[in-house]
Amino acid sequence: MAKQTNDENISRLKKKRLMWGGIIFAISLGVILFTKYGVIQGWRLDGEKANIQFEIQRQAFVRDSLKRIIQRLHHDDREIERLARERYGMIKPGEEVIFVPQSQ
């Protein structure tokens, strides 16, 4: 009878250890995956980082394009003339404007 009680105690102890091990494992897994510094948050931040880097590259391209336009406006009189004609309908003295209807 003493041996049976001892075996039951060992069995209960093993069950308790297994239960506590499972609880600790579940809590650890939750912390690793779902907290502020967890894996899932890291994946989300990596995606955000990629989007931001893409936007930085796009903005750099826009900035370079605008710099080229500014350079042309500072140094090329023909560019200023072209814009004046297109946007404001300006003409040189003695010129005639011919409007060509656009086909639709």
PDB file of N, CA and C in Angstrom:
ATOM      1  N   MET A   1       0.816  -1.178   0.000  1.00  0.00           N
ATOM      2  CA  MET A   1       0.000   0.000   0.000  1.00  0.00           C
ATOM      3  C   MET A   1       0.873   1.260   0.000  1.00  0.00           C
ATOM      4  N   ALA A   2       1.943   1.220   0.731  1.00  0.00           N
ATOM      5  CA  ALA A   2       2.836   2.377   0.780  1.00  0.00           C
ATOM      6  C   ALA A   2       3.450   2.619  -0.587  1.00  0.00           C
ATOM      7  N   LYS A   3       3.734   1.525  -1.316  1.00  0.00           N
ATOM      8  CA  LYS A   3       4.319   1.655  -2.644  1.00  0.00           C
ATOM      9  C   LYS A   3       3.318   2.292  -3.595  1.00  0.00           C
ATOM     10  N   GLN A   4       2.035   1.915  -3.475  1.00  0.00           N
ATOM     11  CA  GLN A   4       0.996   2.474  -4.329  1.00  0.00           C
ATOM     12  C   GLN A   4       0.840   3.974  -4.053  1.00  0.00           C
ATOM     13  N   THR A   5       0.859   4.378  -2.829  1.00  0.00           N
ATOM     14  CA  THR A   5       0.742   5.783  -2.462  1.00  0.00           C
ATOM     15  C   THR A   5       1.941   6.557  -2.988  1.00  0.00           C
ATOM     16  N   ASN A   6       3.097   5.954  -2.894  1.00  0.00           N
ATOM     17  CA  ASN A   6       4.307   6.599  -3.388  1.00  0.00           C
ATOM     18  C   ASN A   6       4.232   6.776  -4.901  1.00  0.00           C
ATOM     19  N   ASP A   7       3.741   5.764  -5.627  1.00  0.00           N
ATOM     20  CA  ASP A   7       3.582   5.848  -7.076  1.00  0.00           C
ATOM     21  C   ASP A   7       2.550   6.912  -7.450  1.00  0.00           C
ATOM     22  N   GLU A   8       1.471   7.000  -6.673  1.00  0.00           N
ATOM     23  CA  GLU A   8       0.439   8.015  -6.927  1.00  0.00           C
ATOM     24  C   GLU A   8       1.006   9.419  -6.710  1.00  0.00           C
ATOM     25  N   ASN A   9       1.813   9.555  -5.663  1.00  0.00           N
ATOM     26  CA  ASN A   9       2.440  10.858  -5.389  1.00  0.00           C
ATOM     27  C   ASN A   9       3.381  11.266  -6.522  1.00  0.00           C
ATOM     28  N   ILE A  10       4.144  10.320  -7.007  1.00  0.00           N
ATOM     29  CA  ILE A  10       5.069  10.597  -8.117  1.00  0.00           C
ATOM     30  C   ILE A  10       4.267  10.960  -9.374  1.00  0.00           C
ATOM     31  N   SER A  11       3.188  10.240  -9.615  1.00  0.00           N
ATOM     32  CA  SER A  11       2.330  10.518 -10.774  1.00  0.00           C
ATOM     33  C   SER A  11       1.724  11.921 -10.680  1.00  0.00           C
ATOM     34  N   ARG A  12       1.221  12.274  -9.497  1.00  0.00           N
ATOM     35  CA  ARG A  12       0.657  13.618  -9.300  1.00  0.00           C
ATOM     36  C   ARG A  12       1.730  14.690  -9.474  1.00  0.00           C
ATOM     37  N   LEU A  13       2.919  14.442  -8.954  1.00  0.00           N
ATOM     38  CA  LEU A  13       4.019  15.384  -9.067  1.00  0.00           C
ATOM     39  C   LEU A  13       4.397  15.599 -10.537  1.00  0.00           C
ATOM     40  N   LYS A  14       4.422  14.497 -11.303  1.00  0.00           N
ATOM     41  CA  LYS A  14       4.730  14.605 -12.729  1.00  0.00           C
ATOM     42  C   LYS A  14       3.649  15.409 -13.454  1.00  0.00           C
ATOM     43  N   LYS A  15       2.384  15.177 -13.089  1.00  0.00           N
ATOM     44  CA  LYS A  15       1.279  15.911 -13.707  1.00  0.00           C
ATOM     45  C   LYS A  15       1.371  17.393 -13.381  1.00  0.00           C
ATOM     46  N   LYS A  16       1.710  17.712 -12.115  1.00  0.00           N
ATOM     47  CA  LYS A  16       1.848  19.113 -11.714  1.00  0.00           C
ATOM     48  C   LYS A  16       2.988  19.778 -12.483  1.00  0.00           C
ATOM     49  N   ARG A  17       4.119  19.085 -12.573  1.00  0.00           N
ATOM     50  CA  ARG A  17       5.260  19.632 -13.302  1.00  0.00           C
ATOM     51  C   ARG A  17       4.900  19.858 -14.770  1.00  0.00           C
ATOM     52  N   LEU A  18       4.223  18.899 -15.373  1.00  0.00           N
ATOM     53  CA  LEU A  18       3.810  19.022 -16.763  1.00  0.00           C
ATOM     54  C   LEU A  18       2.842  20.201 -16.938  1.00  0.00           C
ATOM     55  N   MET A  19       1.888  20.330 -15.988  1.00  0.00           N
ATOM     56  CA  MET A  19       0.923  21.416 -16.055  1.00  0.00           C
ATOM     57  C   MET A  19       1.641  22.770 -15.931  1.00  0.00           C
ATOM     58  N   TRP A  20       2.528  22.914 -14.949  1.00  0.00           N
ATOM     59  CA  TRP A  20       3.245  24.169 -14.766  1.00  0.00           C
ATOM     60  C   TRP A  20       4.186  24.442 -15.940  1.00  0.00           C
ATOM     61  N   GLY A  21       4.792  23.413 -16.449  1.00  0.00           N
ATOM     62  CA  GLY A  21       5.654  23.574 -17.633  1.00  0.00           C
ATOM     63  C   GLY A  21       4.842  24.079 -18.818  1.00  0.00           C
ATOM     64  N   GLY A  22       3.635  23.517 -18.993  1.00  0.00           N
ATOM     65  CA  GLY A  22       2.760  23.973 -20.082  1.00  0.00           C
ATOM     66  C   GLY A  22       2.328  25.416 -19.893  1.00  0.00           C
ATOM     67  N   ILE A  23       1.998  25.778 -18.672  1.00  0.00           N
ATOM     68  CA  ILE A  23       1.585  27.158 -18.393  1.00  0.00           C
ATOM     69  C   ILE A  23       2.740  28.122 -18.664  1.00  0.00           C
ATOM     70  N   ILE A  24       3.919  27.773 -18.193  1.00  0.00           N
ATOM     71  CA  ILE A  24       5.091  28.631 -18.414  1.00  0.00           C
ATOM     72  C   ILE A  24       5.410  28.723 -19.903  1.00  0.00           C
ATOM     73  N   PHE A  25       5.301  27.599 -20.614  1.00  0.00           N
ATOM     74  CA  PHE A  25       5.541  27.595 -22.055  1.00  0.00           C
ATOM     75  C   PHE A  25       4.530  28.494 -22.773  1.00  0.00           C
ATOM     76  N   ALA A  26       3.247  28.395 -22.419  1.00  0.00           N
ATOM     77  CA  ALA A  26       2.208  29.202 -23.059  1.00  0.00           C
ATOM     78  C   ALA A  26       2.430  30.691 -22.803  1.00  0.00           C
ATOM     79  N   ILE A  27       2.785  31.039 -21.575  1.00  0.00           N
ATOM     80  CA  ILE A  27       3.050  32.448 -21.250  1.00  0.00           C
ATOM     81  C   ILE A  27       4.272  32.943 -22.017  1.00  0.00           C
ATOM     82  N   SER A  28       5.322  32.137 -22.040  1.00  0.00           N
ATOM     83  CA  SER A  28       6.537  32.517 -22.770  1.00  0.00           C
ATOM     84  C   SER A  28       6.244  32.700 -24.256  1.00  0.00           C
ATOM     85  N   LEU A  29       5.495  31.801 -24.828  1.00  0.00           N
ATOM     86  CA  LEU A  29       5.136  31.894 -26.243  1.00  0.00           C
ATOM     87  C   LEU A  29       4.317  33.160 -26.509  1.00  0.00           C
ATOM     88  N   GLY A  30       3.377  33.443 -25.619  1.00  0.00           N
ATOM     89  CA  GLY A  30       2.589  34.671 -25.766  1.00  0.00           C
ATOM     90  C   GLY A  30       3.450  35.915 -25.711  1.00  0.00           C
ATOM     91  N   VAL A  31       4.396  35.939 -24.790  1.00  0.00           N
ATOM     92  CA  VAL A  31       5.295  37.089 -24.661  1.00  0.00           C
ATOM     93  C   VAL A  31       6.152  37.230 -25.912  1.00  0.00           C
ATOM     94  N   ILE A  32       6.691  36.122 -26.388  1.00  0.00           N
ATOM     95  CA  ILE A  32       7.561  36.157 -27.570  1.00  0.00           C
ATOM     96  C   ILE A  32       6.798  36.606 -28.808  1.00  0.00           C
ATOM     97  N   LEU A  33       5.573  36.187 -28.954  1.00  0.00           N
ATOM     98  CA  LEU A  33       4.815  36.498 -30.172  1.00  0.00           C
ATOM     99  C   LEU A  33       4.059  37.817 -30.127  1.00  0.00           C
ATOM    100  N   PHE A  34       3.410  38.121 -29.025  1.00  0.00           N
ATOM    101  CA  PHE A  34       2.402  39.167 -29.052  1.00  0.00           C
ATOM    102  C   PHE A  34       2.707  40.447 -28.282  1.00  0.00           C
ATOM    103  N   THR A  35       3.848  40.559 -27.663  1.00  0.00           N
ATOM    104  CA  THR A  35       4.123  41.778 -26.899  1.00  0.00           C
ATOM    105  C   THR A  35       4.690  42.865 -27.808  1.00  0.00           C
ATOM    106  N   LYS A  36       4.975  43.990 -27.201  1.00  0.00           N
ATOM    107  CA  LYS A  36       5.503  45.148 -27.920  1.00  0.00           C
ATOM    108  C   LYS A  36       6.800  44.817 -28.658  1.00  0.00           C
ATOM    109  N   TYR A  37       7.592  43.938 -28.106  1.00  0.00           N
ATOM    110  CA  TYR A  37       8.873  43.562 -28.701  1.00  0.00           C
ATOM    111  C   TYR A  37       8.834  42.165 -29.311  1.00  0.00           C
ATOM    112  N   GLY A  38       7.654  41.663 -29.577  1.00  0.00           N
ATOM    113  CA  GLY A  38       7.494  40.305 -30.069  1.00  0.00           C
ATOM    114  C   GLY A  38       7.752  40.165 -31.556  1.00  0.00           C
ATOM    115  N   VAL A  39       7.691  38.928 -32.004  1.00  0.00           N
ATOM    116  CA  VAL A  39       7.978  38.571 -33.386  1.00  0.00           C
ATOM    117  C   VAL A  39       6.954  39.199 -34.334  1.00  0.00           C
ATOM    118  N   ILE A  40       5.700  39.123 -34.001  1.00  0.00           N
ATOM    119  CA  ILE A  40       4.663  39.653 -34.881  1.00  0.00           C
ATOM    120  C   ILE A  40       4.822  41.161 -35.040  1.00  0.00           C
ATOM    121  N   GLN A  41       5.098  41.863 -33.969  1.00  0.00           N
ATOM    122  CA  GLN A  41       5.335  43.304 -34.028  1.00  0.00           C
ATOM    123  C   GLN A  41       6.572  43.587 -34.885  1.00  0.00           C
ATOM    124  N   GLY A  42       7.591  42.753 -34.775  1.00  0.00           N
ATOM    125  CA  GLY A  42       8.804  42.912 -35.587  1.00  0.00           C
ATOM    126  C   GLY A  42       8.499  42.773 -37.068  1.00  0.00           C
ATOM    127  N   TRP A  43       7.683  41.792 -37.434  1.00  0.00           N
ATOM    128  CA  TRP A  43       7.294  41.620 -38.838  1.00  0.00           C
ATOM    129  C   TRP A  43       6.534  42.842 -39.338  1.00  0.00           C
ATOM    130  N   ARG A  44       5.620  43.352 -38.525  1.00  0.00           N
ATOM    131  CA  ARG A  44       4.844  44.521 -38.920  1.00  0.00           C
ATOM    132  C   ARG A  44       5.764  45.724 -39.115  1.00  0.00           C
ATOM    133  N   LEU A  45       6.722  45.896 -38.200  1.00  0.00           N
ATOM    134  CA  LEU A  45       7.650  47.020 -38.303  1.00  0.00           C
ATOM    135  C   LEU A  45       8.564  46.886 -39.517  1.00  0.00           C
ATOM    136  N   ASP A  46       8.956  45.654 -39.865  1.00  0.00           N
ATOM    137  CA  ASP A  46       9.767  45.444 -41.064  1.00  0.00           C
ATOM    138  C   ASP A  46       8.998  45.869 -42.312  1.00  0.00           C
ATOM    139  N   GLY A  47       7.721  45.537 -42.364  1.00  0.00           N
ATOM    140  CA  GLY A  47       6.886  45.960 -43.493  1.00  0.00           C
ATOM    141  C   GLY A  47       6.763  47.471 -43.560  1.00  0.00           C
ATOM    142  N   GLU A  48       6.567  48.087 -42.410  1.00  0.00           N
ATOM    143  CA  GLU A  48       6.479  49.547 -42.345  1.00  0.00           C
ATOM    144  C   GLU A  48       7.789  50.188 -42.798  1.00  0.00           C
ATOM    145  N   LYS A  49       8.901  49.603 -42.380  1.00  0.00           N
ATOM    146  CA  LYS A  49      10.213  50.118 -42.750  1.00  0.00           C
ATOM    147  C   LYS A  49      10.399  50.068 -44.265  1.00  0.00           C
ATOM    148  N   ALA A  50       9.990  48.962 -44.878  1.00  0.00           N
ATOM    149  CA  ALA A  50      10.107  48.831 -46.330  1.00  0.00           C
ATOM    150  C   ALA A  50       9.258  49.888 -47.040  1.00  0.00           C
ATOM    151  N   ASN A  51       8.045  50.122 -46.538  1.00  0.00           N
ATOM    152  CA  ASN A  51       7.180  51.138 -47.137  1.00  0.00           C
ATOM    153  C   ASN A  51       7.788  52.528 -47.009  1.00  0.00           C
ATOM    154  N   ILE A  52       8.361  52.822 -45.860  1.00  0.00           N
ATOM    155  CA  ILE A  52       8.966  54.130 -45.635  1.00  0.00           C
ATOM    156  C   ILE A  52      10.193  54.313 -46.523  1.00  0.00           C
ATOM    157  N   GLN A  53      11.004  53.269 -46.672  1.00  0.00           N
ATOM    158  CA  GLN A  53      12.176  53.363 -47.537  1.00  0.00           C
ATOM    159  C   GLN A  53      11.762  53.593 -48.992  1.00  0.00           C
ATOM    160  N   PHE A  54      10.690  52.921 -49.423  1.00  0.00           N
ATOM    161  CA  PHE A  54      10.186  53.133 -50.774  1.00  0.00           C
ATOM    162  C   PHE A  54       9.722  54.578 -50.945  1.00  0.00           C
ATOM    163  N   GLU A  55       9.023  55.099 -49.953  1.00  0.00           N
ATOM    164  CA  GLU A  55       8.539  56.480 -50.018  1.00  0.00           C
ATOM    165  C   GLU A  55       9.711  57.461 -50.037  1.00  0.00           C
ATOM    166  N   ILE A  56      10.768  57.176 -49.303  1.00  0.00           N
ATOM    167  CA  ILE A  56      11.962  58.031 -49.313  1.00  0.00           C
ATOM    168  C   ILE A  56      12.578  58.061 -50.701  1.00  0.00           C
ATOM    169  N   GLN A  57      12.676  56.893 -51.338  1.00  0.00           N
ATOM    170  CA  GLN A  57      13.232  56.833 -52.690  1.00  0.00           C
ATOM    171  C   GLN A  57      12.356  57.601 -53.679  1.00  0.00           C
ATOM    172  N   ARG A  58      11.043  57.465 -53.530  1.00  0.00           N
ATOM    173  CA  ARG A  58      10.124  58.158 -54.423  1.00  0.00           C
ATOM    174  C   ARG A  58      10.252  59.675 -54.250  1.00  0.00           C
ATOM    175  N   GLN A  59      10.332  60.118 -52.996  1.00  0.00           N
ATOM    176  CA  GLN A  59      10.474  61.544 -52.730  1.00  0.00           C
ATOM    177  C   GLN A  59      11.816  62.078 -53.233  1.00  0.00           C
ATOM    178  N   ALA A  60      12.872  61.284 -53.154  1.00  0.00           N
ATOM    179  CA  ALA A  60      14.176  61.695 -53.681  1.00  0.00           C
ATOM    180  C   ALA A  60      14.093  61.875 -55.192  1.00  0.00           C
ATOM    181  N   PHE A  61      13.383  60.995 -55.864  1.00  0.00           N
ATOM    182  CA  PHE A  61      13.194  61.119 -57.309  1.00  0.00           C
ATOM    183  C   PHE A  61      12.427  62.399 -57.641  1.00  0.00           C
ATOM    184  N   VAL A  62      11.366  62.675 -56.891  1.00  0.00           N
ATOM    185  CA  VAL A  62      10.585  63.901 -57.105  1.00  0.00           C
ATOM    186  C   VAL A  62      11.454  65.128 -56.858  1.00  0.00           C
ATOM    187  N   ARG A  63      12.237  65.091 -55.781  1.00  0.00           N
ATOM    188  CA  ARG A  63      13.122  66.213 -55.456  1.00  0.00           C
ATOM    189  C   ARG A  63      14.117  66.471 -56.587  1.00  0.00           C
ATOM    190  N   ASP A  64      14.714  65.398 -57.121  1.00  0.00           N
ATOM    191  CA  ASP A  64      15.681  65.560 -58.207  1.00  0.00           C
ATOM    192  C   ASP A  64      15.016  66.116 -59.462  1.00  0.00           C
ATOM    193  N   SER A  65      13.799  65.677 -59.735  1.00  0.00           N
ATOM    194  CA  SER A  65      13.065  66.204 -60.892  1.00  0.00           C
ATOM    195  C   SER A  65      12.794  67.696 -60.722  1.00  0.00           C
ATOM    196  N   LEU A  66      12.377  68.086 -59.536  1.00  0.00           N
ATOM    197  CA  LEU A  66      12.108  69.501 -59.278  1.00  0.00           C
ATOM    198  C   LEU A  66      13.385  70.340 -59.358  1.00  0.00           C
ATOM    199  N   LYS A  67      14.500  69.787 -58.910  1.00  0.00           N
ATOM    200  CA  LYS A  67      15.770  70.508 -59.007  1.00  0.00           C
ATOM    201  C   LYS A  67      16.145  70.747 -60.471  1.00  0.00           C
ATOM    202  N   ARG A  68      15.916  69.736 -61.325  1.00  0.00           N
ATOM    203  CA  ARG A  68      16.207  69.896 -62.750  1.00  0.00           C
ATOM    204  C   ARG A  68      15.319  70.973 -63.366  1.00  0.00           C
ATOM    205  N   ILE A  69      14.047  70.999 -62.982  1.00  0.00           N
ATOM    206  CA  ILE A  69      13.132  72.021 -63.496  1.00  0.00           C
ATOM    207  C   ILE A  69      13.586  73.410 -63.047  1.00  0.00           C
ATOM    208  N   ILE A  70      13.979  73.541 -61.804  1.00  0.00           N
ATOM    209  CA  ILE A  70      14.454  74.828 -61.287  1.00  0.00           C
ATOM    210  C   ILE A  70      15.704  75.272 -62.043  1.00  0.00           C
ATOM    211  N   GLN A  71      16.623  74.341 -62.289  1.00  0.00           N
ATOM    212  CA  GLN A  71      17.841  74.670 -63.037  1.00  0.00           C
ATOM    213  C   GLN A  71      17.498  75.169 -64.433  1.00  0.00           C
ATOM    214  N   ARG A  72      16.552  74.488 -65.110  1.00  0.00           N
ATOM    215  CA  ARG A  72      16.156  74.920 -66.444  1.00  0.00           C
ATOM    216  C   ARG A  72      15.546  76.317 -66.403  1.00  0.00           C
ATOM    217  N   LEU A  73      14.721  76.575 -65.406  1.00  0.00           N
ATOM    218  CA  LEU A  73      14.092  77.893 -65.317  1.00  0.00           C
ATOM    219  C   LEU A  73      15.104  79.002 -65.022  1.00  0.00           C
ATOM    220  N   HIS A  74      16.155  78.680 -64.292  1.00  0.00           N
ATOM    221  CA  HIS A  74      17.181  79.673 -63.981  1.00  0.00           C
ATOM    222  C   HIS A  74      18.098  79.951 -65.173  1.00  0.00           C
ATOM    223  N   HIS A  75      18.342  78.947 -66.012  1.00  0.00           N
ATOM    224  CA  HIS A  75      19.389  79.066 -67.024  1.00  0.00           C
ATOM    225  C   HIS A  75      18.902  78.973 -68.463  1.00  0.00           C
ATOM    226  N   ASP A  76      17.665  78.636 -68.708  1.00  0.00           N
ATOM    227  CA  ASP A  76      17.203  78.420 -70.086  1.00  0.00           C
ATOM    228  C   ASP A  76      16.026  79.341 -70.380  1.00  0.00           C
ATOM    229  N   ASP A  77      16.285  80.373 -71.174  1.00  0.00           N
ATOM    230  CA  ASP A  77      15.228  81.328 -71.520  1.00  0.00           C
ATOM    231  C   ASP A  77      14.138  80.675 -72.372  1.00  0.00           C
ATOM    232  N   ARG A  78      14.515  79.679 -73.159  1.00  0.00           N
ATOM    233  CA  ARG A  78      13.511  79.004 -73.993  1.00  0.00           C
ATOM    234  C   ARG A  78      12.479  78.270 -73.134  1.00  0.00           C
ATOM    235  N   GLU A  79      12.894  77.761 -71.996  1.00  0.00           N
ATOM    236  CA  GLU A  79      11.956  77.076 -71.099  1.00  0.00           C
ATOM    237  C   GLU A  79      10.947  78.068 -70.524  1.00  0.00           C
ATOM    238  N   ILE A  80      11.427  79.232 -70.147  1.00  0.00           N
ATOM    239  CA  ILE A  80      10.527  80.273 -69.627  1.00  0.00           C
ATOM    240  C   ILE A  80       9.550  80.697 -70.715  1.00  0.00           C
ATOM    241  N   GLU A  81      10.069  80.858 -71.938  1.00  0.00           N
ATOM    242  CA  GLU A  81       9.208  81.242 -73.063  1.00  0.00           C
ATOM    243  C   GLU A  81       8.149  80.173 -73.323  1.00  0.00           C
ATOM    244  N   ARG A  82       8.555  78.922 -73.297  1.00  0.00           N
ATOM    245  CA  ARG A  82       7.615  77.822 -73.523  1.00  0.00           C
ATOM    246  C   ARG A  82       6.495  77.840 -72.485  1.00  0.00           C
ATOM    247  N   LEU A  83       6.848  78.000 -71.211  1.00  0.00           N
ATOM    248  CA  LEU A  83       5.836  78.036 -70.160  1.00  0.00           C
ATOM    249  C   LEU A  83       4.909  79.241 -70.307  1.00  0.00           C
ATOM    250  N   ALA A  84       5.478  80.379 -70.674  1.00  0.00           N
ATOM    251  CA  ALA A  84       4.658  81.574 -70.840  1.00  0.00           C
ATOM    252  C   ALA A  84       3.646  81.377 -71.970  1.00  0.00           C
ATOM    253  N   ARG A  85       4.067  80.744 -73.036  1.00  0.00           N
ATOM    254  CA  ARG A  85       3.158  80.499 -74.157  1.00  0.00           C
ATOM    255  C   ARG A  85       2.081  79.477 -73.783  1.00  0.00           C
ATOM    256  N   GLU A  86       2.490  78.400 -73.130  1.00  0.00           N
ATOM    257  CA  GLU A  86       1.535  77.332 -72.796  1.00  0.00           C
ATOM    258  C   GLU A  86       0.536  77.763 -71.726  1.00  0.00           C
ATOM    259  N   ARG A  87       1.027  78.301 -70.643  1.00  0.00           N
ATOM    260  CA  ARG A  87       0.166  78.590 -69.498  1.00  0.00           C
ATOM    261  C   ARG A  87      -0.597  79.906 -69.613  1.00  0.00           C
ATOM    262  N   TYR A  88       0.032  80.898 -70.218  1.00  0.00           N
ATOM    263  CA  TYR A  88      -0.568  82.225 -70.196  1.00  0.00           C
ATOM    264  C   TYR A  88      -0.970  82.734 -71.578  1.00  0.00           C
ATOM    265  N   GLY A  89      -0.741  81.934 -72.614  1.00  0.00           N
ATOM    266  CA  GLY A  89      -1.153  82.314 -73.965  1.00  0.00           C
ATOM    267  C   GLY A  89      -0.416  83.529 -74.495  1.00  0.00           C
ATOM    268  N   MET A  90       0.790  83.758 -74.044  1.00  0.00           N
ATOM    269  CA  MET A  90       1.556  84.923 -74.478  1.00  0.00           C
ATOM    270  C   MET A  90       2.111  84.681 -75.879  1.00  0.00           C
ATOM    271  N   ILE A  91       2.205  85.770 -76.649  1.00  0.00           N
ATOM    272  CA  ILE A  91       2.753  85.689 -77.997  1.00  0.00           C
ATOM    273  C   ILE A  91       3.746  86.826 -78.185  1.00  0.00           C
ATOM    274  N   LYS A  92       4.617  86.666 -79.178  1.00  0.00           N
ATOM    275  CA  LYS A  92       5.558  87.723 -79.523  1.00  0.00           C
ATOM    276  C   LYS A  92       4.832  88.738 -80.408  1.00  0.00           C
ATOM    277  N   PRO A  93       5.291  89.957 -80.416  1.00  0.00           N
ATOM    278  CA  PRO A  93       4.662  90.954 -81.293  1.00  0.00           C
ATOM    279  C   PRO A  93       4.740  90.497 -82.755  1.00  0.00           C
ATOM    280  N   GLY A  94       3.609  90.565 -83.436  1.00  0.00           N
ATOM    281  CA  GLY A  94       3.544  90.194 -84.845  1.00  0.00           C
ATOM    282  C   GLY A  94       3.190  88.735 -85.076  1.00  0.00           C
ATOM    283  N   GLU A  95       3.115  87.934 -84.049  1.00  0.00           N
ATOM    284  CA  GLU A  95       2.749  86.519 -84.214  1.00  0.00           C
ATOM    285  C   GLU A  95       1.236  86.380 -84.235  1.00  0.00           C
ATOM    286  N   GLU A  96       0.775  85.345 -84.903  1.00  0.00           N
ATOM    287  CA  GLU A  96      -0.644  85.018 -84.897  1.00  0.00           C
ATOM    288  C   GLU A  96      -0.808  83.660 -84.227  1.00  0.00           C
ATOM    289  N   VAL A  97      -1.852  83.524 -83.440  1.00  0.00           N
ATOM    290  CA  VAL A  97      -2.124  82.263 -82.758  1.00  0.00           C
ATOM    291  C   VAL A  97      -3.155  81.496 -83.556  1.00  0.00           C
ATOM    292  N   ILE A  98      -2.875  80.256 -83.837  1.00  0.00           N
ATOM    293  CA  ILE A  98      -3.804  79.393 -84.544  1.00  0.00           C
ATOM    294  C   ILE A  98      -4.216  78.301 -83.584  1.00  0.00           C
ATOM    295  N   PHE A  99      -5.512  78.193 -83.335  1.00  0.00           N
ATOM    296  CA  PHE A  99      -6.017  77.159 -82.453  1.00  0.00           C
ATOM    297  C   PHE A  99      -6.418  75.940 -83.277  1.00  0.00           C
ATOM    298  N   VAL A 100      -5.911  74.799 -82.905  1.00  0.00           N
ATOM    299  CA  VAL A 100      -6.241  73.547 -83.576  1.00  0.00           C
ATOM    300  C   VAL A 100      -7.152  72.773 -82.636  1.00  0.00           C
ATOM    301  N   PRO A 101      -8.380  72.469 -83.095  1.00  0.00           N
ATOM    302  CA  PRO A 101      -9.276  71.729 -82.215  1.00  0.00           C
ATOM    303  C   PRO A 101      -8.731  70.313 -81.950  1.00  0.00           C
ATOM    304  N   GLN A 102      -8.899  69.895 -80.719  1.00  0.00           N
ATOM    305  CA  GLN A 102      -8.433  68.550 -80.349  1.00  0.00           C
ATOM    306  C   GLN A 102      -9.505  67.546 -80.729  1.00  0.00           C
ATOM    307  N   SER A 103      -9.091  66.447 -81.301  1.00  0.00           N
ATOM    308  CA  SER A 103     -10.052  65.395 -81.661  1.00  0.00           C
ATOM    309  C   SER A 103     -10.315  64.546 -80.432  1.00  0.00           C
ATOM    310  N   GLN A 104     -11.579  64.128 -80.313  1.00  0.00           N
ATOM    311  CA  GLN A 104     -11.935  63.345 -79.127  1.00  0.00           C
ATOM    312  C   GLN A 104     -12.256  61.941 -79.483  1.00  0.00           C
TER     313      GLN A 104
END
